Amino acid sequence: MAFDKLFSSFLKKGRNQDKESNPEMKNVINSMFLCTPLYDKLKVKCHPDRFIDENQKAVAENLFQELQKHKYNYERLLELELQINDFVVDKSR
């Protein structure tokens, strides 16, 4: 991926580090390139206006607020994706 090339350019020459040894840098790079499409997908899934039931609407509103708060944090968006997918699956039953 493009972020792998960019990530490797940030590493100093002569230093033998792999990507896993610097997880914060990997999150920064992922956040730069991957947050927007993931955020767009998740905001559609959990928007409170999609739900009629007040309990579901309240849960969706909390998830949506959390989603907006962490709009540019890729790792947190991945965690929220799991919560949102669980909520949407439970809602459909």
C-alpha atoms as a PDB file:
ATOM      1  CA  MET A   1       0.000   0.000   0.000  1.00  0.00           C
ATOM      2  CA  ALA A   2       0.969   3.611  -0.372  1.00  0.00           C
ATOM      3  CA  PHE A   3       1.331   4.139   3.361  1.00  0.00           C
ATOM      4  CA  ASP A   4       3.998   1.385   3.537  1.00  0.00           C
ATOM      5  CA  LYS A   5       6.205   3.355   1.147  1.00  0.00           C
ATOM      6  CA  LEU A   6       5.550   6.574   3.044  1.00  0.00           C
ATOM      7  CA  PHE A   7       6.201   4.865   6.358  1.00  0.00           C
ATOM      8  CA  SER A   8       9.541   3.509   5.191  1.00  0.00           C
ATOM      9  CA  SER A   9      10.607   6.991   4.098  1.00  0.00           C
ATOM     10  CA  PHE A  10      10.101   8.228   7.664  1.00  0.00           C
ATOM     11  CA  LEU A  11      12.535   5.702   9.079  1.00  0.00           C
ATOM     12  CA  LYS A  12      16.070   6.987   9.428  1.00  0.00           C
ATOM     13  CA  LYS A  13      18.679   5.394   7.217  1.00  0.00           C
ATOM     14  CA  GLY A  14      20.942   2.936   8.989  1.00  0.00           C
ATOM     15  CA  ARG A  15      18.279   2.114  11.560  1.00  0.00           C
ATOM     16  CA  ASN A  16      16.797  -1.351  11.197  1.00  0.00           C
ATOM     17  CA  GLN A  17      13.268  -0.986  12.520  1.00  0.00           C
ATOM     18  CA  ASP A  18      10.235  -2.699  11.237  1.00  0.00           C
ATOM     19  CA  LYS A  19       6.741  -1.241  11.232  1.00  0.00           C
ATOM     20  CA  GLU A  20       5.564  -3.173  14.267  1.00  0.00           C
ATOM     21  CA  SER A  21       8.236  -1.632  16.490  1.00  0.00           C
ATOM     22  CA  ASN A  22       6.636   1.795  16.147  1.00  0.00           C
ATOM     23  CA  PRO A  23       2.849   1.356  16.463  1.00  0.00           C
ATOM     24  CA  GLU A  24       2.155   5.070  16.992  1.00  0.00           C
ATOM     25  CA  MET A  25       3.731   5.931  13.657  1.00  0.00           C
ATOM     26  CA  LYS A  26       1.748   3.181  11.962  1.00  0.00           C
ATOM     27  CA  ASN A  27      -1.484   4.605  13.448  1.00  0.00           C
ATOM     28  CA  VAL A  28      -0.558   8.083  12.201  1.00  0.00           C
ATOM     29  CA  ILE A  29       0.040   6.801   8.672  1.00  0.00           C
ATOM     30  CA  ASN A  30      -3.141   4.705   8.693  1.00  0.00           C
ATOM     31  CA  SER A  31      -5.079   7.672  10.038  1.00  0.00           C
ATOM     32  CA  MET A  32      -3.850   9.858   7.203  1.00  0.00           C
ATOM     33  CA  PHE A  33      -4.980   7.495   4.463  1.00  0.00           C
ATOM     34  CA  LEU A  34      -7.678   5.196   5.780  1.00  0.00           C
ATOM     35  CA  CYS A  35      -9.824   7.153   8.245  1.00  0.00           C
ATOM     36  CA  THR A  36     -12.053   9.035   5.839  1.00  0.00           C
ATOM     37  CA  PRO A  37     -13.494   6.056   3.940  1.00  0.00           C
ATOM     38  CA  LEU A  38     -14.008   4.072   7.146  1.00  0.00           C
ATOM     39  CA  TYR A  39     -15.619   7.036   8.902  1.00  0.00           C
ATOM     40  CA  ASP A  40     -17.953   7.635   5.953  1.00  0.00           C
ATOM     41  CA  LYS A  41     -19.047   3.996   5.951  1.00  0.00           C
ATOM     42  CA  LEU A  42     -19.660   3.922   9.715  1.00  0.00           C
ATOM     43  CA  LYS A  43     -21.535   7.217   9.955  1.00  0.00           C
ATOM     44  CA  VAL A  44     -24.131   5.909   7.498  1.00  0.00           C
ATOM     45  CA  LYS A  45     -24.581   2.687   9.463  1.00  0.00           C
ATOM     46  CA  CYS A  46     -25.162   4.255  12.874  1.00  0.00           C
ATOM     47  CA  HIS A  47     -26.771   7.616  12.171  1.00  0.00           C
ATOM     48  CA  PRO A  48     -29.514   8.139  14.794  1.00  0.00           C
ATOM     49  CA  ASP A  49     -32.083   9.272  12.213  1.00  0.00           C
ATOM     50  CA  ARG A  50     -32.157   5.729  10.778  1.00  0.00           C
ATOM     51  CA  PHE A  51     -33.839   4.323  13.891  1.00  0.00           C
ATOM     52  CA  ILE A  52     -37.446   4.669  15.047  1.00  0.00           C
ATOM     53  CA  ASP A  53     -37.277   3.000  18.459  1.00  0.00           C
ATOM     54  CA  GLU A  54     -36.154   5.428  21.188  1.00  0.00           C
ATOM     55  CA  ASN A  55     -33.815   2.895  22.831  1.00  0.00           C
ATOM     56  CA  GLN A  56     -32.100   2.119  19.534  1.00  0.00           C
ATOM     57  CA  LYS A  57     -31.938   5.813  18.712  1.00  0.00           C
ATOM     58  CA  ALA A  58     -30.224   6.553  22.053  1.00  0.00           C
ATOM     59  CA  VAL A  59     -27.617   3.822  21.519  1.00  0.00           C
ATOM     60  CA  ALA A  60     -27.038   4.982  17.945  1.00  0.00           C
ATOM     61  CA  GLU A  61     -26.642   8.572  19.136  1.00  0.00           C
ATOM     62  CA  ASN A  62     -23.962   7.538  21.656  1.00  0.00           C
ATOM     63  CA  LEU A  63     -22.126   5.531  19.011  1.00  0.00           C
ATOM     64  CA  PHE A  64     -22.396   8.396  16.533  1.00  0.00           C
ATOM     65  CA  GLN A  65     -20.976  10.897  19.040  1.00  0.00           C
ATOM     66  CA  GLU A  66     -18.090   8.557  19.804  1.00  0.00           C
ATOM     67  CA  LEU A  67     -17.522   8.137  16.081  1.00  0.00           C
ATOM     68  CA  GLN A  68     -17.351  11.893  15.563  1.00  0.00           C
ATOM     69  CA  LYS A  69     -14.980  12.325  18.488  1.00  0.00           C
ATOM     70  CA  HIS A  70     -12.507   9.808  17.039  1.00  0.00           C
ATOM     71  CA  LYS A  71     -12.945  10.712  13.382  1.00  0.00           C
ATOM     72  CA  TYR A  72      -9.179  10.830  12.756  1.00  0.00           C
ATOM     73  CA  ASN A  73      -8.015   7.912  14.936  1.00  0.00           C
ATOM     74  CA  TYR A  74      -7.853   4.782  12.815  1.00  0.00           C
ATOM     75  CA  GLU A  75      -7.361   2.303  15.660  1.00  0.00           C
ATOM     76  CA  ARG A  76     -10.357   3.663  17.565  1.00  0.00           C
ATOM     77  CA  LEU A  77     -12.462   3.635  14.391  1.00  0.00           C
ATOM     78  CA  LEU A  78     -11.712  -0.065  13.985  1.00  0.00           C
ATOM     79  CA  GLU A  79     -12.927  -0.687  17.547  1.00  0.00           C
ATOM     80  CA  LEU A  80     -16.057   1.355  16.898  1.00  0.00           C
ATOM     81  CA  GLU A  81     -16.667  -0.581  13.683  1.00  0.00           C
ATOM     82  CA  LEU A  82     -16.993  -3.782  15.708  1.00  0.00           C
ATOM     83  CA  GLN A  83     -19.434  -2.129  18.132  1.00  0.00           C
ATOM     84  CA  ILE A  84     -21.493  -0.626  15.308  1.00  0.00           C
ATOM     85  CA  ASN A  85     -21.639  -3.921  13.404  1.00  0.00           C
ATOM     86  CA  ASP A  86     -22.809  -5.712  16.569  1.00  0.00           C
ATOM     87  CA  PHE A  87     -25.446  -3.039  17.135  1.00  0.00           C
ATOM     88  CA  VAL A  88     -26.727  -3.178  13.546  1.00  0.00           C
ATOM     89  CA  VAL A  89     -26.918  -6.993  13.634  1.00  0.00           C
ATOM     90  CA  ASP A  90     -28.803  -6.902  16.969  1.00  0.00           C
ATOM     91  CA  LYS A  91     -31.158  -4.239  15.635  1.00  0.00           C
ATOM     92  CA  SER A  92     -32.130  -6.349  12.642  1.00  0.00           C
ATOM     93  CA  ARG A  93     -33.254  -9.278  14.818  1.00  0.00           C
END
